[in-house]
N, C-alpha and C. Protein backbone atom coordinates (compact mmCIF):
# COMPACT_ATOMS: atom_id res chain seq x y z
N MET A 1 32.54 -11.07 11.60
CA MET A 1 33.07 -12.09 11.57
C MET A 1 32.05 -13.17 11.71
N TRP A 2 30.85 -13.12 12.42
CA TRP A 2 29.60 -13.94 12.59
C TRP A 2 29.21 -14.50 11.14
N LEU A 3 29.02 -13.59 10.42
CA LEU A 3 28.60 -13.97 8.88
C LEU A 3 29.33 -14.71 8.51
N SER A 4 31.00 -14.53 8.44
CA SER A 4 31.85 -15.47 7.90
C SER A 4 31.67 -16.77 8.52
N LEU A 5 31.57 -17.09 9.93
CA LEU A 5 31.46 -18.38 10.29
C LEU A 5 30.27 -19.04 9.91
N THR A 6 29.15 -18.37 9.90
CA THR A 6 27.84 -18.85 9.19
C THR A 6 28.12 -19.14 7.80
N ARG A 7 28.58 -18.46 7.21
CA ARG A 7 28.73 -18.77 5.67
C ARG A 7 29.70 -19.94 5.55
N ARG A 8 30.86 -20.12 6.17
CA ARG A 8 31.61 -21.39 6.27
C ARG A 8 31.09 -22.52 6.51
N ALA A 9 29.98 -22.29 7.76
CA ALA A 9 29.34 -23.43 8.03
C ALA A 9 28.00 -24.37 7.24
N ALA A 10 27.73 -23.08 6.41
CA ALA A 10 26.85 -23.54 5.48
C ALA A 10 27.53 -24.05 4.20
N LEU A 11 28.89 -23.67 4.01
CA LEU A 11 29.81 -24.40 2.81
C LEU A 11 30.04 -25.80 3.17
N VAL A 12 30.38 -26.00 4.46
CA VAL A 12 30.85 -27.32 4.82
C VAL A 12 29.79 -28.08 4.84
N CYS A 13 28.62 -27.70 5.14
CA CYS A 13 27.27 -28.62 4.79
C CYS A 13 27.16 -29.22 3.49
N VAL A 14 27.03 -28.07 2.71
CA VAL A 14 26.94 -28.54 1.45
C VAL A 14 28.06 -29.63 0.94
N ALA A 15 29.10 -29.29 1.39
CA ALA A 15 30.21 -30.34 0.95
C ALA A 15 30.17 -31.59 1.37
N HIS A 16 29.48 -31.59 2.74
CA HIS A 16 29.52 -32.99 3.22
C HIS A 16 28.12 -33.49 2.50
N LEU A 17 27.26 -32.71 2.32
CA LEU A 17 26.03 -33.64 1.36
C LEU A 17 26.40 -34.03 0.01
N VAL A 18 27.60 -33.48 -0.82
CA VAL A 18 28.16 -33.64 -2.04
C VAL A 18 28.95 -35.04 -1.62
N PHE A 19 29.67 -35.23 -0.47
CA PHE A 19 30.65 -36.40 -0.50
C PHE A 19 29.74 -37.54 -0.09
N SER A 20 28.72 -37.04 0.85
CA SER A 20 27.74 -38.41 1.21
C SER A 20 26.79 -38.86 -0.17
N GLY A 21 27.07 -38.11 -1.19
CA GLY A 21 26.22 -38.82 -2.22
C GLY A 21 24.88 -38.23 -2.23
N GLN A 22 24.51 -37.32 -1.10
CA GLN A 22 22.93 -36.63 -1.03
C GLN A 22 22.84 -35.57 -2.15
N LEU A 23 23.95 -35.29 -2.71
CA LEU A 23 23.67 -33.81 -3.40
C LEU A 23 24.82 -34.00 -4.45
N SER A 24 24.36 -33.86 -6.00
CA SER A 24 25.02 -34.04 -6.93
C SER A 24 26.06 -32.70 -7.38
N ALA A 25 27.04 -32.56 -8.06
CA ALA A 25 27.91 -31.63 -8.46
C ALA A 25 26.76 -30.52 -9.06
N THR A 26 26.10 -30.85 -9.79
CA THR A 26 25.04 -29.56 -10.38
C THR A 26 24.43 -28.92 -9.29
N GLU A 27 23.81 -29.73 -8.31
CA GLU A 27 23.06 -29.23 -7.26
C GLU A 27 23.89 -28.18 -6.52
N VAL A 28 25.35 -28.62 -6.23
CA VAL A 28 26.11 -27.70 -5.70
C VAL A 28 26.44 -26.59 -6.28
N ALA A 29 26.43 -26.69 -7.60
CA ALA A 29 26.41 -25.27 -8.47
C ALA A 29 25.41 -24.48 -8.14
N GLN A 30 24.19 -25.07 -8.25
CA GLN A 30 22.87 -24.12 -7.85
C GLN A 30 22.92 -23.32 -6.41
N ASP A 31 23.23 -24.60 -5.37
CA ASP A 31 23.12 -23.99 -4.17
C ASP A 31 24.39 -23.05 -3.93
N THR A 32 25.47 -22.92 -4.55
CA THR A 32 26.41 -21.87 -4.20
C THR A 32 26.40 -20.98 -5.04
N ALA A 33 25.29 -20.59 -5.71
CA ALA A 33 25.14 -19.47 -6.48
C ALA A 33 25.34 -18.20 -5.96
N ALA A 34 24.85 -18.00 -4.82
CA ALA A 34 25.14 -16.98 -3.71
C ALA A 34 26.37 -16.74 -3.50
N ASN A 35 27.19 -17.75 -3.47
CA ASN A 35 28.58 -17.76 -2.82
C ASN A 35 29.50 -16.67 -3.84
N THR A 36 30.10 -15.91 -3.09
CA THR A 36 30.77 -14.81 -3.84
C THR A 36 32.18 -15.16 -4.14
N GLY A 37 32.76 -16.29 -3.78
CA GLY A 37 33.85 -16.90 -3.99
C GLY A 37 34.18 -17.11 -5.76
N THR A 38 35.21 -17.28 -6.28
CA THR A 38 35.76 -17.53 -7.33
C THR A 38 35.57 -19.02 -7.80
N ASN A 39 35.20 -19.16 -9.06
CA ASN A 39 34.98 -20.57 -9.51
C ASN A 39 36.31 -21.01 -10.32
N HIS A 40 36.93 -22.21 -9.98
CA HIS A 40 38.17 -22.49 -10.72
C HIS A 40 37.61 -23.76 -11.40
N ARG A 41 38.36 -23.99 -12.65
CA ARG A 41 38.27 -25.44 -13.34
C ARG A 41 39.69 -26.03 -13.49
N VAL A 42 39.60 -27.03 -13.22
CA VAL A 42 40.86 -28.07 -13.28
C VAL A 42 40.52 -29.40 -14.26
N TYR A 43 41.02 -29.17 -15.55
CA TYR A 43 41.01 -30.18 -16.54
C TYR A 43 41.70 -31.40 -16.49
N ILE A 44 40.94 -32.32 -16.62
CA ILE A 44 41.98 -33.75 -16.56
C ILE A 44 42.05 -34.31 -18.19
N GLU A 45 43.30 -34.22 -18.31
CA GLU A 45 43.51 -34.30 -19.89
C GLU A 45 44.98 -34.91 -19.91
N ASP A 46 45.35 -35.69 -20.97
CA ASP A 46 46.46 -36.45 -21.03
C ASP A 46 47.12 -37.08 -19.90
N MET A 47 46.24 -37.79 -18.96
CA MET A 47 46.93 -38.23 -17.81
C MET A 47 47.39 -37.32 -16.81
N GLN A 48 46.83 -36.19 -16.77
CA GLN A 48 47.24 -35.27 -15.87
C GLN A 48 46.14 -34.08 -15.58
N PHE A 49 46.43 -33.37 -14.46
CA PHE A 49 45.52 -32.31 -14.02
C PHE A 49 45.97 -30.78 -14.49
N SER A 50 45.14 -30.09 -15.02
CA SER A 50 45.70 -29.01 -15.45
C SER A 50 44.99 -27.74 -15.14
N PRO A 51 45.37 -26.81 -14.07
CA PRO A 51 46.72 -26.77 -13.65
C PRO A 51 47.04 -27.58 -12.78
N ALA A 52 48.36 -28.28 -12.56
CA ALA A 52 48.53 -29.05 -11.60
C ALA A 52 48.87 -28.48 -10.01
N LYS A 53 48.73 -27.14 -10.13
CA LYS A 53 48.83 -26.21 -8.76
C LYS A 53 48.00 -25.15 -9.14
N LEU A 54 46.87 -25.11 -8.14
CA LEU A 54 45.96 -24.22 -8.25
C LEU A 54 45.72 -23.09 -7.11
N GLN A 55 45.96 -21.94 -7.29
CA GLN A 55 45.52 -20.85 -5.96
C GLN A 55 44.15 -20.55 -5.77
N VAL A 56 43.86 -20.60 -4.71
CA VAL A 56 42.35 -20.46 -4.26
C VAL A 56 42.46 -19.60 -2.92
N ARG A 57 41.13 -19.20 -2.71
CA ARG A 57 40.86 -18.68 -1.57
C ARG A 57 39.51 -19.44 -0.74
N PHE A 58 39.49 -19.41 0.76
CA PHE A 58 38.49 -19.98 1.34
C PHE A 58 37.18 -19.52 0.73
N GLY A 59 36.10 -20.50 0.40
CA GLY A 59 34.68 -20.10 -0.12
C GLY A 59 35.06 -20.31 -1.69
N ASP A 60 35.88 -20.49 -2.33
CA ASP A 60 36.10 -20.66 -3.74
C ASP A 60 35.82 -22.03 -4.07
N THR A 61 35.07 -22.21 -5.27
CA THR A 61 34.95 -23.70 -5.57
C THR A 61 35.84 -23.92 -6.48
N ILE A 62 36.03 -25.05 -6.56
CA ILE A 62 37.09 -25.97 -7.62
C ILE A 62 36.09 -27.02 -8.36
N THR A 63 36.14 -26.78 -9.71
CA THR A 63 35.52 -27.86 -10.35
C THR A 63 36.49 -28.61 -11.27
N TRP A 64 36.41 -29.85 -11.35
CA TRP A 64 37.35 -31.03 -12.08
C TRP A 64 36.38 -31.56 -13.15
N ILE A 65 36.86 -31.30 -14.24
CA ILE A 65 36.31 -31.82 -15.45
C ILE A 65 37.33 -32.87 -16.34
N ASN A 66 36.35 -33.74 -16.23
CA ASN A 66 37.41 -35.14 -17.01
C ASN A 66 37.22 -35.09 -18.41
N ASN A 67 38.22 -34.65 -19.28
CA ASN A 67 38.46 -34.66 -20.69
C ASN A 67 38.96 -35.66 -21.14
N ASP A 68 39.50 -36.53 -20.44
CA ASP A 68 40.33 -37.73 -20.85
C ASP A 68 39.44 -39.03 -21.61
N PHE A 69 40.10 -39.87 -22.01
CA PHE A 69 39.35 -41.18 -22.55
C PHE A 69 38.97 -42.13 -21.62
N ILE A 70 39.52 -42.00 -20.71
CA ILE A 70 39.49 -42.85 -19.54
C ILE A 70 39.09 -42.34 -18.22
N PRO A 71 38.45 -43.08 -17.19
CA PRO A 71 37.97 -42.58 -16.03
C PRO A 71 39.11 -41.94 -14.99
N HIS A 72 38.72 -41.24 -14.14
CA HIS A 72 39.80 -40.87 -13.16
C HIS A 72 39.14 -40.32 -12.03
N THR A 73 39.95 -39.82 -11.05
CA THR A 73 39.41 -39.32 -9.54
C THR A 73 40.17 -38.06 -9.33
N ALA A 74 39.59 -37.19 -8.51
CA ALA A 74 40.29 -36.27 -7.97
C ALA A 74 40.05 -36.62 -6.43
N THR A 75 41.32 -37.14 -5.71
CA THR A 75 41.35 -37.64 -4.33
C THR A 75 42.15 -37.31 -3.32
N ALA A 76 42.07 -36.45 -2.29
CA ALA A 76 42.63 -36.04 -1.35
C ALA A 76 43.91 -36.98 -0.89
N VAL A 77 44.72 -36.61 -0.77
CA VAL A 77 45.70 -37.88 -0.15
C VAL A 77 45.58 -38.46 1.12
N ASP A 78 44.71 -37.97 1.87
CA ASP A 78 44.16 -38.48 2.96
C ASP A 78 42.54 -38.99 2.96
N LYS A 79 42.10 -38.99 1.91
CA LYS A 79 41.04 -39.64 1.36
C LYS A 79 39.84 -39.05 1.94
N SER A 80 40.20 -37.72 2.50
CA SER A 80 38.95 -36.78 3.22
C SER A 80 38.18 -36.41 2.23
N TRP A 81 38.27 -36.25 1.11
CA TRP A 81 37.52 -35.74 -0.16
C TRP A 81 37.84 -36.59 -1.24
N ASN A 82 36.93 -37.09 -2.14
CA ASN A 82 36.99 -37.77 -3.36
C ASN A 82 35.91 -37.62 -4.29
N SER A 83 36.11 -37.45 -5.66
CA SER A 83 35.28 -37.39 -6.41
C SER A 83 34.49 -38.43 -6.98
N LYS A 84 34.93 -39.78 -6.65
CA LYS A 84 34.68 -40.99 -7.10
C LYS A 84 34.79 -41.23 -8.64
N ASN A 85 34.36 -41.82 -9.37
CA ASN A 85 34.94 -42.25 -10.75
C ASN A 85 34.08 -41.06 -11.61
N LEU A 86 35.10 -40.46 -12.23
CA LEU A 86 34.80 -39.38 -13.19
C LEU A 86 35.05 -39.92 -14.73
N ALA A 87 33.81 -40.23 -15.44
CA ALA A 87 33.84 -40.74 -16.68
C ALA A 87 34.19 -39.76 -17.75
N LYS A 88 34.58 -39.72 -18.93
CA LYS A 88 34.74 -38.57 -19.83
C LYS A 88 33.59 -37.90 -19.85
N GLY A 89 33.85 -36.62 -19.61
CA GLY A 89 32.69 -35.34 -19.69
C GLY A 89 32.37 -35.17 -18.24
N GLU A 90 32.12 -35.95 -17.53
CA GLU A 90 31.81 -36.09 -16.06
C GLU A 90 32.66 -34.66 -15.23
N GLU A 91 31.94 -34.35 -14.08
CA GLU A 91 32.61 -33.44 -13.36
C GLU A 91 32.42 -33.45 -11.97
N PHE A 92 33.13 -32.86 -11.12
CA PHE A 92 32.97 -32.92 -9.67
C PHE A 92 33.47 -31.36 -9.05
N SER A 93 32.60 -31.03 -8.18
CA SER A 93 33.01 -29.50 -7.59
C SER A 93 33.18 -29.98 -6.04
N LEU A 94 33.89 -28.91 -5.46
CA LEU A 94 34.47 -28.90 -4.11
C LEU A 94 34.47 -27.34 -3.67
N ILE A 95 33.97 -27.11 -2.49
CA ILE A 95 33.95 -25.94 -2.01
C ILE A 95 35.13 -25.76 -0.78
N VAL A 96 36.15 -24.71 -1.19
CA VAL A 96 37.37 -24.61 -0.62
C VAL A 96 36.92 -24.39 1.06
N SER A 97 37.38 -25.13 1.96
CA SER A 97 37.35 -24.39 3.31
C SER A 97 38.65 -24.65 4.12
N ASP A 98 38.76 -24.08 5.36
CA ASP A 98 40.00 -24.29 6.10
C ASP A 98 39.94 -25.76 6.43
N ASN A 99 39.12 -26.63 6.19
CA ASN A 99 39.81 -28.14 6.47
C ASN A 99 40.02 -29.04 5.32
N THR A 100 40.05 -28.18 4.12
CA THR A 100 40.23 -28.94 2.84
C THR A 100 41.94 -29.17 2.65
N VAL A 101 41.94 -30.48 2.31
CA VAL A 101 43.15 -31.40 2.30
C VAL A 101 43.73 -30.69 0.81
N LEU A 102 44.90 -30.14 0.90
CA LEU A 102 45.57 -29.47 -0.55
C LEU A 102 46.16 -30.15 -1.53
N ASP A 103 46.91 -31.53 -0.95
CA ASP A 103 47.37 -32.28 -2.25
C ASP A 103 46.56 -33.23 -2.36
N TYR A 104 46.36 -33.79 -3.63
CA TYR A 104 45.29 -34.64 -4.39
C TYR A 104 46.15 -35.37 -5.35
N TYR A 105 45.50 -36.39 -5.85
CA TYR A 105 45.75 -37.71 -6.74
C TYR A 105 44.70 -38.11 -7.59
N CYS A 106 45.12 -39.12 -8.54
CA CYS A 106 43.90 -39.82 -8.97
C CYS A 106 43.99 -41.25 -8.51
N PHE A 107 42.96 -41.80 -8.07
CA PHE A 107 43.07 -43.08 -7.34
C PHE A 107 43.46 -44.16 -8.22
N TYR A 108 43.13 -44.04 -9.49
CA TYR A 108 43.59 -44.78 -10.55
C TYR A 108 44.79 -44.77 -11.17
N HIS A 109 45.33 -43.81 -11.04
CA HIS A 109 46.83 -43.49 -11.46
C HIS A 109 47.71 -42.64 -10.57
N PRO A 110 48.18 -43.17 -9.58
CA PRO A 110 48.88 -42.33 -8.30
C PRO A 110 49.93 -41.35 -8.87
N ASN A 111 50.37 -41.84 -9.88
CA ASN A 111 51.24 -40.65 -10.46
C ASN A 111 50.77 -39.60 -11.07
N MET A 112 49.50 -39.45 -11.00
CA MET A 112 48.79 -38.14 -11.50
C MET A 112 48.26 -37.24 -10.22
N ILE A 113 49.35 -36.22 -9.90
CA ILE A 113 49.33 -35.50 -8.71
C ILE A 113 49.07 -34.08 -8.95
N ALA A 114 48.62 -33.28 -7.79
CA ALA A 114 48.31 -32.09 -7.94
C ALA A 114 48.29 -31.38 -6.71
N LYS A 115 48.37 -29.93 -6.60
CA LYS A 115 48.13 -29.57 -5.35
C LYS A 115 47.31 -28.22 -5.32
N ILE A 116 46.81 -27.75 -4.17
CA ILE A 116 45.91 -26.64 -3.94
C ILE A 116 46.73 -25.66 -3.04
N GLU A 117 46.68 -24.58 -3.28
CA GLU A 117 47.54 -23.68 -2.61
C GLU A 117 46.33 -22.36 -2.19
N ILE A 118 46.16 -22.38 -0.90
CA ILE A 118 45.47 -21.34 -0.34
C ILE A 118 46.43 -19.71 -0.16
N LEU A 119 45.44 -18.93 -0.87
CA LEU A 119 46.02 -17.69 -0.68
C LEU A 119 45.38 -17.10 0.39
N ASN A 120 46.06 -15.85 1.23
CA ASN A 120 45.61 -14.94 2.11
C ASN A 120 44.77 -13.88 1.59
């Protein structure tokens, strides 16, 4: 249990550095290489998130990749996390923790909505 709490604290620290702009998505991938969680990809294409519903576990990493021709974001409904502007070809990663808000949307296109579901 202690290791689990330590690991969670480390993941929260990395996520904080990403959101504060002190760490890039590439650095997240490098820093979380020891993470045993699953890496999930969400593609932004044709004005939608695919998949629109993603099932994950705590410690998993989600990476959004914008394959659309216009900028998008992946933004928590309470704005607790935000990818910022993602131009075509850019990506953003998030490590799932017990504080991760599960519903998200594109700030520029509020009709683009999606959900993260936590599995036990």
